[in-house]
Protein backbone atom coordinates (compact mmCIF):
# COMPACT_ATOMS: atom_id res chain seq x y z
CA MET A 1 0.00 0.00 0.00
CA LYS A 2 2.79 2.36 0.80
CA LYS A 3 4.36 1.65 -2.57
CA ILE A 4 1.19 2.68 -4.45
CA ASN A 5 0.96 5.98 -2.55
CA TYR A 6 4.53 6.72 -3.46
CA VAL A 7 3.90 6.21 -7.16
CA VAL A 8 0.84 8.53 -7.13
CA THR A 9 2.76 11.27 -5.36
CA ALA A 10 5.60 11.05 -7.83
CA GLY A 11 3.14 11.33 -10.69
CA LEU A 12 1.70 14.55 -9.30
CA ALA A 13 5.18 15.95 -8.88
CA CYS A 14 6.04 15.24 -12.51
CA THR A 15 2.83 16.88 -13.68
CA LEU A 16 3.65 20.07 -11.78
CA MET A 17 7.19 20.09 -13.11
CA LEU A 18 5.97 19.83 -16.70
CA THR A 19 3.51 22.72 -16.30
CA PRO A 20 5.00 26.06 -17.64
CA LEU A 21 4.96 28.16 -14.48
CA GLY A 22 5.95 31.26 -16.42
CA SER A 23 2.76 31.17 -18.45
CA ILE A 24 0.68 30.74 -15.30
CA ASP A 25 2.38 33.71 -13.63
CA ALA A 26 2.10 35.87 -16.74
CA LYS A 27 -1.58 35.05 -17.12
CA SER A 28 -2.32 35.74 -13.49
CA LYS A 29 -0.42 39.04 -13.62
CA THR A 30 -2.27 40.09 -16.75
CA SER A 31 -5.65 39.31 -15.27
CA LYS A 32 -4.78 40.82 -11.91
CA TYR A 33 -2.85 43.98 -12.89
CA ASP A 34 -3.92 44.76 -16.48
CA ARG A 35 -7.39 43.38 -16.95
CA ASN A 36 -8.14 45.24 -20.19
CA LYS A 37 -4.71 44.25 -21.60
CA ASN A 38 -3.82 47.74 -22.84
CA GLY A 39 -0.32 47.78 -21.38
CA ILE A 40 -1.24 50.10 -18.50
CA HIS A 41 -1.30 48.97 -14.88
CA ASP A 42 -4.83 48.92 -13.45
CA SER A 43 -3.74 50.84 -10.35
CA TRP A 44 -2.47 53.71 -12.56
CA GLU A 45 -5.79 53.85 -14.41
CA LYS A 46 -7.60 53.91 -11.08
CA LYS A 47 -5.32 56.61 -9.68
CA TYR A 48 -6.14 59.00 -12.52
CA LYS A 49 -9.74 57.80 -12.93
CA LEU A 50 -9.29 56.64 -16.51
CA LYS A 51 -11.94 54.44 -18.08
CA GLY A 52 -12.78 53.12 -21.51
CA THR A 53 -11.57 50.47 -23.91
CA LYS A 54 -9.40 52.93 -25.86
CA LEU A 55 -8.01 54.96 -22.96
CA ALA A 56 -4.39 54.03 -23.84
CA GLN A 57 -4.59 55.83 -27.19
CA GLN A 58 -6.50 58.82 -25.83
CA ASP A 59 -4.87 62.10 -24.80
CA THR A 60 -6.89 63.04 -21.72
CA ASP A 61 -5.08 66.31 -20.91
CA HIS A 62 -4.62 67.31 -24.59
CA ASP A 63 -0.87 67.86 -24.30
CA GLY A 64 0.13 65.86 -27.38
CA LEU A 65 1.04 62.69 -25.47
CA SER A 66 -1.20 59.64 -25.30
CA ASN A 67 -2.17 58.20 -21.93
CA TYR A 68 0.03 55.18 -22.63
CA THR A 69 3.04 57.42 -23.30
CA GLU A 70 2.39 59.37 -20.12
CA TYR A 71 2.18 56.08 -18.21
CA LYS A 72 5.55 54.95 -19.61
CA LEU A 73 7.07 58.37 -18.81
CA GLU A 74 5.53 58.37 -15.32
CA LEU A 75 3.69 61.64 -16.02
CA SER A 76 0.20 62.76 -15.15
CA PRO A 77 -2.39 62.18 -17.90
CA ARG A 78 -4.52 64.93 -16.37
CA ASN A 79 -1.94 67.72 -16.23
CA GLN A 80 -0.17 69.21 -19.25
CA ASP A 81 2.75 70.23 -17.02
CA SER A 82 3.20 67.36 -14.58
CA ASP A 83 6.21 68.82 -12.75
CA ARG A 84 4.90 72.41 -12.94
CA ASP A 85 8.14 73.82 -14.35
CA ARG A 86 6.28 75.82 -17.02
CA ILE A 87 7.39 73.40 -19.71
CA SER A 88 4.64 71.21 -21.11
CA ASP A 89 5.05 67.46 -20.86
CA ALA A 90 5.20 67.29 -24.65
CA ASN A 91 8.22 69.62 -24.78
CA GLU A 92 10.08 67.95 -21.91
CA ASP A 93 13.08 65.72 -22.63
CA THR A 94 12.14 63.08 -20.08
CA ASP A 95 14.77 60.49 -21.01
CA ARG A 96 17.46 63.19 -21.45
CA ASP A 97 18.66 62.05 -24.85
CA GLY A 98 18.59 65.47 -26.50
CA LEU A 99 15.13 65.21 -28.08
CA SER A 100 11.82 66.38 -26.64
CA ASN A 101 9.03 63.88 -26.07
CA THR A 102 6.99 65.24 -29.00
CA ILE A 103 9.91 65.16 -31.42
CA GLU A 104 10.62 61.55 -30.48
CA LEU A 105 7.04 60.55 -31.22
CA GLU A 106 7.16 62.32 -34.58
CA LEU A 107 10.48 60.72 -35.49
CA GLY A 108 9.30 57.30 -34.35
CA THR A 109 11.82 56.91 -31.52
CA LYS A 110 10.83 56.15 -27.91
CA PRO A 111 10.64 59.12 -25.51
CA TYR A 112 11.07 56.80 -22.52
CA THR A 113 14.29 55.18 -23.80
CA ARG A 114 17.53 57.09 -24.45
CA ASP A 115 18.69 54.64 -27.12
CA SER A 116 15.61 53.37 -28.93
CA ASP A 117 17.44 51.07 -31.37
CA ARG A 118 20.03 49.95 -28.79
CA ASP A 119 22.99 50.71 -31.04
CA GLY A 120 24.94 52.55 -28.36
CA ILE A 121 24.08 56.02 -29.73
CA LEU A 122 21.69 58.34 -27.93
CA ASP A 123 18.56 59.19 -29.93
CA GLY A 124 19.57 62.86 -29.87
CA LYS A 125 22.87 62.02 -31.59
CA GLU A 126 21.39 59.77 -34.24
CA ARG A 127 21.30 60.77 -37.90
CA ASN A 128 18.82 59.91 -40.64
CA GLN A 129 19.61 57.96 -43.80
CA GLY A 130 20.87 61.13 -45.45
CA GLY A 131 23.40 61.61 -42.65
CA HIS A 132 21.60 64.65 -41.20
CA ARG A 133 21.00 65.29 -37.53
CA TYR A 134 17.41 64.89 -36.39
CA GLU A 135 17.19 68.51 -35.25
CA ASP A 136 18.19 69.67 -38.76
CA MET A 137 15.53 67.57 -40.47
CA LEU A 138 12.55 69.25 -42.04
CA LYS A 139 9.29 68.68 -40.26
CA LYS A 140 7.20 70.68 -42.72
CA MET A 141 7.78 72.59 -45.93
CA LYS A 142 5.39 74.59 -48.09
CA ILE A 143 6.34 76.33 -51.32
CA GLU A 144 4.18 78.36 -53.70
CA LEU A 145 5.78 79.25 -57.03
CA ALA A 146 4.18 81.20 -59.86
CA THR A 147 5.66 82.28 -63.18
CA GLU A 148 4.01 83.98 -66.17
CA THR A 149 2.72 80.62 -67.44
CA THR A 150 2.95 78.11 -64.56
CA GLU A 151 1.80 77.60 -60.99
CA SER A 152 3.25 75.13 -58.49
CA GLN A 153 2.35 74.12 -54.94
CA ILE A 154 4.66 71.88 -52.89
CA GLU A 155 3.79 70.43 -49.48
CA TYR A 156 6.09 68.18 -47.44
CA HIS A 157 5.48 66.64 -44.01
CA PHE A 158 7.55 64.18 -41.98
CA LYS A 159 5.97 62.24 -39.12
CA LYS A 160 6.68 58.90 -37.42
CA LYS A 161 9.56 57.98 -39.71
CA LYS A 162 7.45 58.58 -42.81
CA SER A 163 7.55 61.49 -45.22
CA GLN A 164 4.64 62.72 -47.28
CA LEU A 165 5.19 64.84 -50.38
CA ARG A 166 2.54 66.47 -52.56
CA VAL A 167 3.42 68.36 -55.72
CA LYS A 168 0.68 70.11 -57.67
CA THR A 169 2.01 71.83 -60.77
CA ASN A 170 1.73 72.38 -64.52
CA ASP A 171 5.50 72.91 -64.77
CA ALA A 172 7.45 69.90 -66.03
CA THR A 173 10.63 71.04 -64.25
CA VAL A 174 8.94 70.93 -60.82
CA ASP A 175 8.82 67.22 -60.01
CA GLY A 176 9.26 64.96 -56.99
CA ALA A 177 12.90 64.13 -57.73
CA ARG A 178 13.93 67.79 -57.80
CA VAL A 179 11.94 68.52 -54.64
CA ARG A 180 13.77 65.68 -52.87
CA GLN A 181 17.05 67.23 -53.97
CA LEU A 182 15.88 70.52 -52.50
CA ILE A 183 15.05 68.84 -49.17
CA GLN A 184 18.52 67.25 -49.11
CA PHE A 185 20.07 70.66 -49.72
CA ILE A 186 18.04 72.31 -46.97
CA GLU A 187 18.85 69.64 -44.38
CA SER A 188 22.54 69.68 -45.36
CA ASN A 189 22.71 73.46 -44.97
CA PRO A 190 20.68 74.35 -41.84
CA LYS A 191 22.41 77.74 -41.58
CA MET A 192 21.86 78.81 -45.17
CA THR A 193 20.60 82.31 -45.99
CA GLN A 194 17.37 83.05 -47.81
CA GLU A 195 19.39 84.15 -50.81
CA GLU A 196 21.20 80.80 -50.90
CA LEU A 197 17.86 78.99 -50.75
CA ARG A 198 16.44 81.08 -53.61
CA THR A 199 19.55 80.44 -55.69
CA GLN A 200 19.10 76.69 -55.21
CA LEU A 201 15.44 76.91 -56.20
CA ILE A 202 16.26 78.90 -59.33
CA SER A 203 18.84 76.31 -60.33
CA LEU A 204 16.73 73.21 -59.58
CA PHE A 205 13.53 74.46 -61.19
CA ALA A 206 15.24 76.32 -64.04
CA LEU A 207 13.47 79.59 -63.22
CA SER A 208 13.74 82.41 -65.74
CA GLY A 209 11.81 85.56 -66.43
CA SER A 210 9.45 86.93 -63.80
CA TYR A 211 8.28 84.80 -60.89
CA GLN A 212 6.78 85.02 -57.42
CA LEU A 213 7.92 82.74 -54.60
CA LYS A 214 6.66 81.95 -51.07
CA ILE A 215 8.49 79.56 -48.76
CA GLU A 216 7.64 78.22 -45.28
CA LEU A 217 10.04 75.87 -43.47
CA GLU A 218 9.74 74.20 -40.07
CA TYR A 219 12.53 72.09 -38.61
CA PHE A 220 12.30 69.51 -35.85
CA ASP A 221 13.97 71.91 -33.42
CA HIS A 222 10.83 74.05 -33.86
CA VAL A 223 12.64 76.81 -35.76
CA LYS A 224 10.34 78.26 -38.41
CA THR A 225 11.30 80.47 -41.33
CA LYS A 226 9.20 82.29 -43.89
CA SER A 227 10.28 84.02 -47.07
CA GLU A 228 8.54 85.85 -49.89
CA HIS A 229 10.25 87.03 -53.05
CA ARG A 230 9.04 88.61 -56.28
CA HIS A 231 11.35 88.84 -59.26
CA VAL A 232 10.47 90.95 -62.29
CA GLU A 233 12.49 90.61 -65.48
CA GLU A 234 13.92 93.85 -66.88
CA ASP A 235 12.01 93.48 -70.15
CA ASP A 236 8.78 93.30 -68.15
CA GLN A 237 9.76 96.45 -66.25
CA ASP A 238 10.41 98.27 -69.55
CA THR A 239 7.03 97.11 -70.84
CA ASP A 240 5.34 98.40 -67.70
CA GLN A 241 7.08 101.75 -68.09
CA ASP A 242 6.11 101.96 -71.78
CA ASP A 243 2.49 101.22 -70.85
CA GLN A 244 2.62 103.93 -68.20
CA GLY A 245 4.11 106.38 -70.68
CA GLN A 246 1.38 105.57 -73.20
CA ASP A 247 -1.25 106.20 -70.56
CA ASP A 248 0.31 109.58 -69.79
CA ASP A 249 0.31 110.52 -73.51
CA ASP A 250 -3.35 109.55 -73.81
CA GLN A 251 -4.15 111.68 -70.78
CA ASP A 252 -2.35 114.71 -72.32
CA ASP A 253 -4.29 114.28 -75.56
CA ASP A 254 -7.56 114.24 -73.64
CA GLU A 255 -6.61 117.44 -71.83
CA ASP A 256 -5.76 119.21 -75.15
CA GLU A 257 -9.13 118.19 -76.60
CA ASN A 258 -10.90 119.52 -73.53
CA GLU A 259 -9.11 122.88 -73.89
CA GLU A 260 -10.15 123.16 -77.55
CA ASP A 261 -13.77 122.48 -76.60
CA ASP A 262 -13.62 125.29 -74.04
CA ASP A 263 -12.44 127.73 -76.73
């Protein structure tokens, strides 16, 4: 009888040994601490009175950071300035890698990890595929170009490691490839002057004659620049002066006729 009891006990022991304890612990932790499985601890949700199936993606305090991001950064989802230092949570550099929380989200890096790709280089020191520093990258660009016969509108936006480019034009020289070259030039020369930028545009888009140009640039370091330029060809100026002179002659003739009528 004792021998049979021994065999049964051993069998139970083997069964327990073969059961993956890690999966049991993980399942119990998930059900106990994150019941809605959104990656946020239940106690944190309760602390800030957050409810709803999509609360992780929501931005309760409207500061530009999702509730999940604020949870990972240990910030308050109900206060735009959690530490009350007059810098919004979005503009803080919580992980101290040289990039603000908002910029990291736009670039696709992690604001709660100093080295998102774990290559030994801080996110703030990383460079894009073109070899440009993140802070020198263009976040937005808008260009309006009009000549005597053409009109072009260019819009560029970079967000979450993806760039979007729209070119609306009836000018064959204004195409996506040339616009990409322009973006490379801008990011390679962050300290360029407006004159240098215009010179590059004239060269790339083969501008000649009269034209009107409006440019808006916004970099990831939040520096914004605006420029407007109107170029009138000398021949056009002469034509305008000739037209003005003709108008003056016509006005003199009218005055002479009026004087004769008075006589």
